[in-house]
Amino acid sequence: MAAGSAAATAPLLMELPLAKANAAHAGENAAAELAKGMKVYYIMDQCIGCQVCRANCPAEAIRYGNCRNEIVQSKCIHCGVCYEACHIGNISVTVVA
């Protein structure tokens, strides 16, 4: 049984470096897109933690932390749904030059 377990995990271990390389490449693409004038959204310190933005985010890029919501920029698809959903106007948008 131990030999079978080792044989089953070997392909998974070989795929791990490839997954890391793909993730690094995706990060490079995201940085390149931001350099082309993408809108970047930030939740300001006055957030009351109502979760409206989080509930409406199609990318599930908003998490609750430090007593307020935060946008995980690596997950954000820059769609602006959170910006439109925030009823207190607490999300700022910046266009990267």
PDB file of N, CA and C in Angstrom:
ATOM      1  N   MET A   1       0.817  -1.182   0.000  1.00  0.00           N
ATOM      2  CA  MET A   1       0.000   0.000   0.000  1.00  0.00           C
ATOM      3  C   MET A   1       0.869   1.257   0.000  1.00  0.00           C
ATOM      4  N   ALA A   2       2.003   1.218   0.676  1.00  0.00           N
ATOM      5  CA  ALA A   2       2.883   2.378   0.714  1.00  0.00           C
ATOM      6  C   ALA A   2       3.426   2.697  -0.670  1.00  0.00           C
ATOM      7  N   ALA A   3       3.737   1.669  -1.454  1.00  0.00           N
ATOM      8  CA  ALA A   3       4.251   1.903  -2.802  1.00  0.00           C
ATOM      9  C   ALA A   3       3.173   2.542  -3.670  1.00  0.00           C
ATOM     10  N   GLY A   4       1.937   2.111  -3.499  1.00  0.00           N
ATOM     11  CA  GLY A   4       0.831   2.692  -4.262  1.00  0.00           C
ATOM     12  C   GLY A   4       0.608   4.151  -3.907  1.00  0.00           C
ATOM     13  N   SER A   5       0.769   4.484  -2.635  1.00  0.00           N
ATOM     14  CA  SER A   5       0.608   5.868  -2.198  1.00  0.00           C
ATOM     15  C   SER A   5       1.687   6.751  -2.786  1.00  0.00           C
ATOM     16  N   ALA A   6       2.913   6.240  -2.817  1.00  0.00           N
ATOM     17  CA  ALA A   6       4.015   7.020  -3.378  1.00  0.00           C
ATOM     18  C   ALA A   6       3.798   7.237  -4.867  1.00  0.00           C
ATOM     19  N   ALA A   7       3.310   6.214  -5.549  1.00  0.00           N
ATOM     20  CA  ALA A   7       3.069   6.332  -6.984  1.00  0.00           C
ATOM     21  C   ALA A   7       1.943   7.331  -7.265  1.00  0.00           C
ATOM     22  N   ALA A   8       0.967   7.396  -6.395  1.00  0.00           N
ATOM     23  CA  ALA A   8      -0.154   8.306  -6.594  1.00  0.00           C
ATOM     24  C   ALA A   8       0.245   9.756  -6.337  1.00  0.00           C
ATOM     25  N   THR A   9       1.169   9.989  -5.408  1.00  0.00           N
ATOM     26  CA  THR A   9       1.555  11.361  -5.085  1.00  0.00           C
ATOM     27  C   THR A   9       2.667  11.893  -5.972  1.00  0.00           C
ATOM     28  N   ALA A  10       3.421  11.027  -6.621  1.00  0.00           N
ATOM     29  CA  ALA A  10       4.531  11.481  -7.467  1.00  0.00           C
ATOM     30  C   ALA A  10       4.078  12.429  -8.576  1.00  0.00           C
ATOM     31  N   PRO A  11       2.997  12.139  -9.311  1.00  0.00           N
ATOM     32  CA  PRO A  11       2.576  13.083 -10.341  1.00  0.00           C
ATOM     33  C   PRO A  11       2.163  14.447  -9.759  1.00  0.00           C
ATOM     34  N   LEU A  12       1.590  14.445  -8.588  1.00  0.00           N
ATOM     35  CA  LEU A  12       1.191  15.700  -7.965  1.00  0.00           C
ATOM     36  C   LEU A  12       2.404  16.550  -7.621  1.00  0.00           C
ATOM     37  N   LEU A  13       3.464  15.924  -7.153  1.00  0.00           N
ATOM     38  CA  LEU A  13       4.666  16.652  -6.805  1.00  0.00           C
ATOM     39  C   LEU A  13       5.350  17.224  -8.037  1.00  0.00           C
ATOM     40  N   MET A  14       5.289  16.503  -9.150  1.00  0.00           N
ATOM     41  CA  MET A  14       5.912  16.999 -10.372  1.00  0.00           C
ATOM     42  C   MET A  14       5.138  18.179 -10.953  1.00  0.00           C
ATOM     43  N   GLU A  15       3.829  18.255 -10.730  1.00  0.00           N
ATOM     44  CA  GLU A  15       3.019  19.340 -11.262  1.00  0.00           C
ATOM     45  C   GLU A  15       3.151  20.615 -10.435  1.00  0.00           C
ATOM     46  N   LEU A  16       3.608  20.544  -9.219  1.00  0.00           N
ATOM     47  CA  LEU A  16       3.693  21.699  -8.338  1.00  0.00           C
ATOM     48  C   LEU A  16       4.564  22.823  -8.896  1.00  0.00           C
ATOM     49  N   PRO A  17       5.784  22.567  -9.400  1.00  0.00           N
ATOM     50  CA  PRO A  17       6.580  23.665  -9.966  1.00  0.00           C
ATOM     51  C   PRO A  17       5.888  24.336 -11.149  1.00  0.00           C
ATOM     52  N   LEU A  18       5.193  23.556 -11.964  1.00  0.00           N
ATOM     53  CA  LEU A  18       4.465  24.114 -13.092  1.00  0.00           C
ATOM     54  C   LEU A  18       3.349  25.035 -12.621  1.00  0.00           C
ATOM     55  N   ALA A  19       2.653  24.647 -11.567  1.00  0.00           N
ATOM     56  CA  ALA A  19       1.590  25.481 -11.016  1.00  0.00           C
ATOM     57  C   ALA A  19       2.156  26.794 -10.487  1.00  0.00           C
ATOM     58  N   LYS A  20       3.318  26.726  -9.825  1.00  0.00           N
ATOM     59  CA  LYS A  20       3.957  27.947  -9.331  1.00  0.00           C
ATOM     60  C   LYS A  20       4.372  28.850 -10.481  1.00  0.00           C
ATOM     61  N   ALA A  21       4.887  28.278 -11.551  1.00  0.00           N
ATOM     62  CA  ALA A  21       5.305  29.065 -12.709  1.00  0.00           C
ATOM     63  C   ALA A  21       4.103  29.741 -13.357  1.00  0.00           C
ATOM     64  N   ASN A  22       2.987  29.012 -13.472  1.00  0.00           N
ATOM     65  CA  ASN A  22       1.773  29.593 -14.038  1.00  0.00           C
ATOM     66  C   ASN A  22       1.246  30.721 -13.170  1.00  0.00           C
ATOM     67  N   ALA A  23       1.302  30.561 -11.853  1.00  0.00           N
ATOM     68  CA  ALA A  23       0.839  31.604 -10.940  1.00  0.00           C
ATOM     69  C   ALA A  23       1.726  32.842 -11.049  1.00  0.00           C
ATOM     70  N   ALA A  24       3.028  32.643 -11.182  1.00  0.00           N
ATOM     71  CA  ALA A  24       3.944  33.781 -11.343  1.00  0.00           C
ATOM     72  C   ALA A  24       3.669  34.498 -12.644  1.00  0.00           C
ATOM     73  N   HIS A  25       3.407  33.744 -13.705  1.00  0.00           N
ATOM     74  CA  HIS A  25       3.108  34.341 -14.998  1.00  0.00           C
ATOM     75  C   HIS A  25       1.796  35.122 -14.938  1.00  0.00           C
ATOM     76  N   ALA A  26       0.803  34.609 -14.238  1.00  0.00           N
ATOM     77  CA  ALA A  26      -0.473  35.313 -14.079  1.00  0.00           C
ATOM     78  C   ALA A  26      -0.265  36.617 -13.329  1.00  0.00           C
ATOM     79  N   GLY A  27       0.618  36.622 -12.344  1.00  0.00           N
ATOM     80  CA  GLY A  27       0.927  37.845 -11.612  1.00  0.00           C
ATOM     81  C   GLY A  27       1.571  38.889 -12.498  1.00  0.00           C
ATOM     82  N   GLU A  28       2.440  38.446 -13.418  1.00  0.00           N
ATOM     83  CA  GLU A  28       3.066  39.373 -14.363  1.00  0.00           C
ATOM     84  C   GLU A  28       2.018  39.975 -15.285  1.00  0.00           C
ATOM     85  N   ASN A  29       1.075  39.147 -15.748  1.00  0.00           N
ATOM     86  CA  ASN A  29       0.008  39.648 -16.612  1.00  0.00           C
ATOM     87  C   ASN A  29      -0.862  40.656 -15.887  1.00  0.00           C
ATOM     88  N   ALA A  30      -1.160  40.396 -14.621  1.00  0.00           N
ATOM     89  CA  ALA A  30      -1.986  41.326 -13.844  1.00  0.00           C
ATOM     90  C   ALA A  30      -1.280  42.663 -13.690  1.00  0.00           C
ATOM     91  N   ALA A  31       0.023  42.654 -13.451  1.00  0.00           N
ATOM     92  CA  ALA A  31       0.779  43.901 -13.325  1.00  0.00           C
ATOM     93  C   ALA A  31       0.797  44.640 -14.651  1.00  0.00           C
ATOM     94  N   ALA A  32       0.918  43.916 -15.759  1.00  0.00           N
ATOM     95  CA  ALA A  32       0.931  44.550 -17.073  1.00  0.00           C
ATOM     96  C   ALA A  32      -0.414  45.192 -17.374  1.00  0.00           C
ATOM     97  N   GLU A  33      -1.509  44.531 -17.002  1.00  0.00           N
ATOM     98  CA  GLU A  33      -2.834  45.097 -17.217  1.00  0.00           C
ATOM     99  C   GLU A  33      -3.032  46.359 -16.395  1.00  0.00           C
ATOM    100  N   LEU A  34      -2.561  46.368 -15.167  1.00  0.00           N
ATOM    101  CA  LEU A  34      -2.701  47.556 -14.329  1.00  0.00           C
ATOM    102  C   LEU A  34      -1.936  48.724 -14.928  1.00  0.00           C
ATOM    103  N   ALA A  35      -0.838  48.464 -15.569  1.00  0.00           N
ATOM    104  CA  ALA A  35      -0.036  49.525 -16.159  1.00  0.00           C
ATOM    105  C   ALA A  35      -0.734  50.152 -17.363  1.00  0.00           C
ATOM    106  N   LYS A  36      -1.755  49.503 -17.896  1.00  0.00           N
ATOM    107  CA  LYS A  36      -2.448  50.007 -19.079  1.00  0.00           C
ATOM    108  C   LYS A  36      -3.646  50.884 -18.730  1.00  0.00           C
ATOM    109  N   GLY A  37      -3.748  51.349 -17.498  1.00  0.00           N
ATOM    110  CA  GLY A  37      -4.833  52.244 -17.116  1.00  0.00           C
ATOM    111  C   GLY A  37      -6.021  51.570 -16.439  1.00  0.00           C
ATOM    112  N   MET A  38      -5.794  50.427 -15.835  1.00  0.00           N
ATOM    113  CA  MET A  38      -6.873  49.740 -15.133  1.00  0.00           C
ATOM    114  C   MET A  38      -7.314  50.540 -13.916  1.00  0.00           C
ATOM    115  N   LYS A  39      -8.542  50.364 -13.539  1.00  0.00           N
ATOM    116  CA  LYS A  39      -9.055  50.989 -12.321  1.00  0.00           C
ATOM    117  C   LYS A  39      -8.768  50.068 -11.143  1.00  0.00           C
ATOM    118  N   VAL A  40      -8.240  50.645 -10.083  1.00  0.00           N
ATOM    119  CA  VAL A  40      -7.937  49.894  -8.871  1.00  0.00           C
ATOM    120  C   VAL A  40      -8.831  50.446  -7.773  1.00  0.00           C
ATOM    121  N   TYR A  41      -9.518  49.558  -7.079  1.00  0.00           N
ATOM    122  CA  TYR A  41     -10.470  49.947  -6.038  1.00  0.00           C
ATOM    123  C   TYR A  41      -9.891  49.678  -4.659  1.00  0.00           C
ATOM    124  N   TYR A  42     -10.124  50.596  -3.741  1.00  0.00           N
ATOM    125  CA  TYR A  42      -9.670  50.473  -2.354  1.00  0.00           C
ATOM    126  C   TYR A  42     -10.816  50.809  -1.419  1.00  0.00           C
ATOM    127  N   ILE A  43     -10.921  50.074  -0.332  1.00  0.00           N
ATOM    128  CA  ILE A  43     -11.909  50.376   0.693  1.00  0.00           C
ATOM    129  C   ILE A  43     -11.220  51.240   1.737  1.00  0.00           C
ATOM    130  N   MET A  44     -11.785  52.402   1.974  1.00  0.00           N
ATOM    131  CA  MET A  44     -11.163  53.373   2.880  1.00  0.00           C
ATOM    132  C   MET A  44     -11.406  53.001   4.345  1.00  0.00           C
ATOM    133  N   ASP A  45     -10.697  53.683   5.235  1.00  0.00           N
ATOM    134  CA  ASP A  45     -10.719  53.376   6.666  1.00  0.00           C
ATOM    135  C   ASP A  45     -12.082  53.600   7.318  1.00  0.00           C
ATOM    136  N   GLN A  46     -12.946  54.364   6.704  1.00  0.00           N
ATOM    137  CA  GLN A  46     -14.250  54.638   7.295  1.00  0.00           C
ATOM    138  C   GLN A  46     -15.258  53.513   7.076  1.00  0.00           C
ATOM    139  N   CYS A  47     -14.823  52.395   6.558  1.00  0.00           N
ATOM    140  CA  CYS A  47     -15.693  51.231   6.313  1.00  0.00           C
ATOM    141  C   CYS A  47     -16.401  50.831   7.602  1.00  0.00           C
ATOM    142  N   ILE A  48     -17.702  50.607   7.497  1.00  0.00           N
ATOM    143  CA  ILE A  48     -18.487  50.198   8.668  1.00  0.00           C
ATOM    144  C   ILE A  48     -18.682  48.683   8.731  1.00  0.00           C
ATOM    145  N   GLY A  49     -18.144  47.965   7.749  1.00  0.00           N
ATOM    146  CA  GLY A  49     -18.216  46.497   7.765  1.00  0.00           C
ATOM    147  C   GLY A  49     -19.585  45.939   7.487  1.00  0.00           C
ATOM    148  N   CYS A  50     -20.387  46.626   6.675  1.00  0.00           N
ATOM    149  CA  CYS A  50     -21.766  46.182   6.428  1.00  0.00           C
ATOM    150  C   CYS A  50     -21.853  44.966   5.504  1.00  0.00           C
ATOM    151  N   GLN A  51     -20.786  44.649   4.781  1.00  0.00           N
ATOM    152  CA  GLN A  51     -20.677  43.474   3.913  1.00  0.00           C
ATOM    153  C   GLN A  51     -21.443  43.580   2.591  1.00  0.00           C
ATOM    154  N   VAL A  52     -21.990  44.749   2.246  1.00  0.00           N
ATOM    155  CA  VAL A  52     -22.717  44.898   0.986  1.00  0.00           C
ATOM    156  C   VAL A  52     -21.767  44.699  -0.191  1.00  0.00           C
ATOM    157  N   CYS A  53     -20.597  45.320  -0.127  1.00  0.00           N
ATOM    158  CA  CYS A  53     -19.622  45.170  -1.215  1.00  0.00           C
ATOM    159  C   CYS A  53     -19.181  43.718  -1.346  1.00  0.00           C
ATOM    160  N   ARG A  54     -18.944  43.093  -0.224  1.00  0.00           N
ATOM    161  CA  ARG A  54     -18.492  41.692  -0.209  1.00  0.00           C
ATOM    162  C   ARG A  54     -19.543  40.767  -0.803  1.00  0.00           C
ATOM    163  N   ALA A  55     -20.795  41.009  -0.483  1.00  0.00           N
ATOM    164  CA  ALA A  55     -21.880  40.166  -0.986  1.00  0.00           C
ATOM    165  C   ALA A  55     -22.077  40.323  -2.490  1.00  0.00           C
ATOM    166  N   ASN A  56     -21.739  41.483  -3.034  1.00  0.00           N
ATOM    167  CA  ASN A  56     -21.943  41.743  -4.452  1.00  0.00           C
ATOM    168  C   ASN A  56     -20.729  41.464  -5.321  1.00  0.00           C
ATOM    169  N   CYS A  57     -19.572  41.226  -4.746  1.00  0.00           N
ATOM    170  CA  CYS A  57     -18.341  41.035  -5.516  1.00  0.00           C
ATOM    171  C   CYS A  57     -18.390  39.707  -6.281  1.00  0.00           C
ATOM    172  N   PRO A  58     -18.369  39.765  -7.632  1.00  0.00           N
ATOM    173  CA  PRO A  58     -18.442  38.519  -8.404  1.00  0.00           C
ATOM    174  C   PRO A  58     -17.161  37.680  -8.325  1.00  0.00           C
ATOM    175  N   ALA A  59     -16.049  38.288  -7.957  1.00  0.00           N
ATOM    176  CA  ALA A  59     -14.778  37.565  -7.879  1.00  0.00           C
ATOM    177  C   ALA A  59     -14.450  37.094  -6.467  1.00  0.00           C
ATOM    178  N   GLU A  60     -15.329  37.379  -5.515  1.00  0.00           N
ATOM    179  CA  GLU A  60     -15.085  37.051  -4.111  1.00  0.00           C
ATOM    180  C   GLU A  60     -13.720  37.573  -3.665  1.00  0.00           C
ATOM    181  N   ALA A  61     -13.426  38.823  -4.043  1.00  0.00           N
ATOM    182  CA  ALA A  61     -12.127  39.429  -3.770  1.00  0.00           C
ATOM    183  C   ALA A  61     -12.138  40.308  -2.528  1.00  0.00           C
ATOM    184  N   ILE A  62     -13.237  40.316  -1.789  1.00  0.00           N
ATOM    185  CA  ILE A  62     -13.325  41.160  -0.595  1.00  0.00           C
ATOM    186  C   ILE A  62     -13.387  40.275   0.630  1.00  0.00           C
ATOM    187  N   ARG A  63     -12.525  40.574   1.585  1.00  0.00           N
ATOM    188  CA  ARG A  63     -12.502  39.821   2.840  1.00  0.00           C
ATOM    189  C   ARG A  63     -12.652  40.808   3.995  1.00  0.00           C
ATOM    190  N   TYR A  64     -13.020  40.296   5.137  1.00  0.00           N
ATOM    191  CA  TYR A  64     -13.147  41.119   6.328  1.00  0.00           C
ATOM    192  C   TYR A  64     -11.886  40.959   7.152  1.00  0.00           C
ATOM    193  N   GLY A  65     -11.235  42.078   7.447  1.00  0.00           N
ATOM    194  CA  GLY A  65     -10.017  42.043   8.249  1.00  0.00           C
ATOM    195  C   GLY A  65      -9.726  43.414   8.813  1.00  0.00           C
ATOM    196  N   ASN A  66      -9.072  43.483   9.937  1.00  0.00           N
ATOM    197  CA  ASN A  66      -8.740  44.754  10.597  1.00  0.00           C
ATOM    198  C   ASN A  66      -9.978  45.612  10.852  1.00  0.00           C
ATOM    199  N   CYS A  67     -11.054  44.997  11.279  1.00  0.00           N
ATOM    200  CA  CYS A  67     -12.314  45.672  11.632  1.00  0.00           C
ATOM    201  C   CYS A  67     -12.983  46.362  10.450  1.00  0.00           C
ATOM    202  N   ARG A  68     -12.647  45.965   9.233  1.00  0.00           N
ATOM    203  CA  ARG A  68     -13.287  46.518   8.045  1.00  0.00           C
ATOM    204  C   ARG A  68     -13.073  45.568   6.882  1.00  0.00           C
ATOM    205  N   ASN A  69     -13.750  45.822   5.782  1.00  0.00           N
ATOM    206  CA  ASN A  69     -13.553  45.021   4.580  1.00  0.00           C
ATOM    207  C   ASN A  69     -12.288  45.471   3.865  1.00  0.00           C
ATOM    208  N   GLU A  70     -11.660  44.536   3.164  1.00  0.00           N
ATOM    209  CA  GLU A  70     -10.453  44.812   2.392  1.00  0.00           C
ATOM    210  C   GLU A  70     -10.569  44.114   1.048  1.00  0.00           C
ATOM    211  N   ILE A  71     -10.071  44.747   0.002  1.00  0.00           N
ATOM    212  CA  ILE A  71     -10.073  44.139  -1.324  1.00  0.00           C
ATOM    213  C   ILE A  71      -8.741  43.420  -1.528  1.00  0.00           C
ATOM    214  N   VAL A  72      -8.826  42.152  -1.865  1.00  0.00           N
ATOM    215  CA  VAL A  72      -7.637  41.368  -2.182  1.00  0.00           C
ATOM    216  C   VAL A  72      -7.324  41.671  -3.648  1.00  0.00           C
ATOM    217  N   GLN A  73      -6.318  42.498  -3.883  1.00  0.00           N
ATOM    218  CA  GLN A  73      -6.040  42.994  -5.224  1.00  0.00           C
ATOM    219  C   GLN A  73      -5.680  41.879  -6.204  1.00  0.00           C
ATOM    220  N   SER A  74      -5.093  40.810  -5.731  1.00  0.00           N
ATOM    221  CA  SER A  74      -4.727  39.708  -6.626  1.00  0.00           C
ATOM    222  C   SER A  74      -5.954  38.954  -7.137  1.00  0.00           C
ATOM    223  N   LYS A  75      -7.084  39.061  -6.457  1.00  0.00           N
ATOM    224  CA  LYS A  75      -8.318  38.415  -6.889  1.00  0.00           C
ATOM    225  C   LYS A  75      -9.251  39.377  -7.628  1.00  0.00           C
ATOM    226  N   CYS A  76      -9.057  40.671  -7.421  1.00  0.00           N
ATOM    227  CA  CYS A  76      -9.957  41.688  -7.971  1.00  0.00           C
ATOM    228  C   CYS A  76      -9.937  41.660  -9.501  1.00  0.00           C
ATOM    229  N   ILE A  77     -11.117  41.732 -10.116  1.00  0.00           N
ATOM    230  CA  ILE A  77     -11.219  41.761 -11.575  1.00  0.00           C
ATOM    231  C   ILE A  77     -11.499  43.177 -12.078  1.00  0.00           C
ATOM    232  N   HIS A  78     -11.467  44.162 -11.194  1.00  0.00           N
ATOM    233  CA  HIS A  78     -11.575  45.579 -11.538  1.00  0.00           C
ATOM    234  C   HIS A  78     -12.875  45.913 -12.264  1.00  0.00           C
ATOM    235  N   CYS A  79     -13.971  45.316 -11.815  1.00  0.00           N
ATOM    236  CA  CYS A  79     -15.255  45.507 -12.478  1.00  0.00           C
ATOM    237  C   CYS A  79     -16.042  46.705 -11.936  1.00  0.00           C
ATOM    238  N   GLY A  80     -15.766  47.124 -10.703  1.00  0.00           N
ATOM    239  CA  GLY A  80     -16.448  48.267 -10.123  1.00  0.00           C
ATOM    240  C   GLY A  80     -17.763  47.964  -9.434  1.00  0.00           C
ATOM    241  N   VAL A  81     -18.134  46.707  -9.331  1.00  0.00           N
ATOM    242  CA  VAL A  81     -19.387  46.351  -8.675  1.00  0.00           C
ATOM    243  C   VAL A  81     -19.374  46.780  -7.209  1.00  0.00           C
ATOM    244  N   CYS A  82     -18.260  46.608  -6.536  1.00  0.00           N
ATOM    245  CA  CYS A  82     -18.160  47.007  -5.131  1.00  0.00           C
ATOM    246  C   CYS A  82     -18.312  48.523  -4.993  1.00  0.00           C
ATOM    247  N   TYR A  83     -17.716  49.248  -5.898  1.00  0.00           N
ATOM    248  CA  TYR A  83     -17.788  50.710  -5.895  1.00  0.00           C
ATOM    249  C   TYR A  83     -19.239  51.179  -6.012  1.00  0.00           C
ATOM    250  N   GLU A  84     -19.977  50.552  -6.908  1.00  0.00           N
ATOM    251  CA  GLU A  84     -21.385  50.899  -7.112  1.00  0.00           C
ATOM    252  C   GLU A  84     -22.262  50.436  -5.943  1.00  0.00           C
ATOM    253  N   ALA A  85     -21.907  49.325  -5.312  1.00  0.00           N
ATOM    254  CA  ALA A  85     -22.735  48.755  -4.252  1.00  0.00           C
ATOM    255  C   ALA A  85     -22.582  49.464  -2.910  1.00  0.00           C
ATOM    256  N   CYS A  86     -21.449  50.117  -2.684  1.00  0.00           N
ATOM    257  CA  CYS A  86     -21.198  50.747  -1.385  1.00  0.00           C
ATOM    258  C   CYS A  86     -22.132  51.935  -1.190  1.00  0.00           C
ATOM    259  N   HIS A  87     -23.053  51.795  -0.257  1.00  0.00           N
ATOM    260  CA  HIS A  87     -24.071  52.829  -0.044  1.00  0.00           C
ATOM    261  C   HIS A  87     -23.566  54.029   0.750  1.00  0.00           C
ATOM    262  N   ILE A  88     -22.368  53.940   1.304  1.00  0.00           N
ATOM    263  CA  ILE A  88     -21.819  55.097   2.018  1.00  0.00           C
ATOM    264  C   ILE A  88     -20.671  55.752   1.245  1.00  0.00           C
ATOM    265  N   GLY A  89     -20.403  55.269   0.040  1.00  0.00           N
ATOM    266  CA  GLY A  89     -19.362  55.868  -0.791  1.00  0.00           C
ATOM    267  C   GLY A  89     -17.971  55.744  -0.216  1.00  0.00           C
ATOM    268  N   ASN A  90     -17.674  54.601   0.354  1.00  0.00           N
ATOM    269  CA  ASN A  90     -16.420  54.392   1.058  1.00  0.00           C
ATOM    270  C   ASN A  90     -15.359  53.675   0.226  1.00  0.00           C
ATOM    271  N   ILE A  91     -15.646  53.425  -1.031  1.00  0.00           N
ATOM    272  CA  ILE A  91     -14.672  52.754  -1.887  1.00  0.00           C
ATOM    273  C   ILE A  91     -14.152  53.787  -2.879  1.00  0.00           C
ATOM    274  N   SER A  92     -12.822  53.914  -2.912  1.00  0.00           N
ATOM    275  CA  SER A  92     -12.209  54.852  -3.839  1.00  0.00           C
ATOM    276  C   SER A  92     -11.699  54.111  -5.057  1.00  0.00           C
ATOM    277  N   VAL A  93     -11.614  54.819  -6.163  1.00  0.00           N
ATOM    278  CA  VAL A  93     -11.097  54.236  -7.414  1.00  0.00           C
ATOM    279  C   VAL A  93      -9.939  55.096  -7.882  1.00  0.00           C
ATOM    280  N   THR A  94      -8.887  54.404  -8.323  1.00  0.00           N
ATOM    281  CA  THR A  94      -7.707  55.061  -8.855  1.00  0.00           C
ATOM    282  C   THR A  94      -7.384  54.440 -10.190  1.00  0.00           C
ATOM    283  N   VAL A  95      -7.105  55.266 -11.180  1.00  0.00           N
ATOM    284  CA  VAL A  95      -6.689  54.765 -12.485  1.00  0.00           C
ATOM    285  C   VAL A  95      -5.169  54.801 -12.508  1.00  0.00           C
ATOM    286  N   VAL A  96      -4.575  53.633 -12.737  1.00  0.00           N
ATOM    287  CA  VAL A  96      -3.123  53.532 -12.748  1.00  0.00           C
ATOM    288  C   VAL A  96      -2.611  54.055 -14.087  1.00  0.00           C
ATOM    289  N   ALA A  97      -1.682  54.979 -14.019  1.00  0.00           N
ATOM    290  CA  ALA A  97      -1.127  55.577 -15.236  1.00  0.00           C
ATOM    291  C   ALA A  97      -0.026  54.737 -15.813  1.00  0.00           C
TER     292      ALA A  97
END
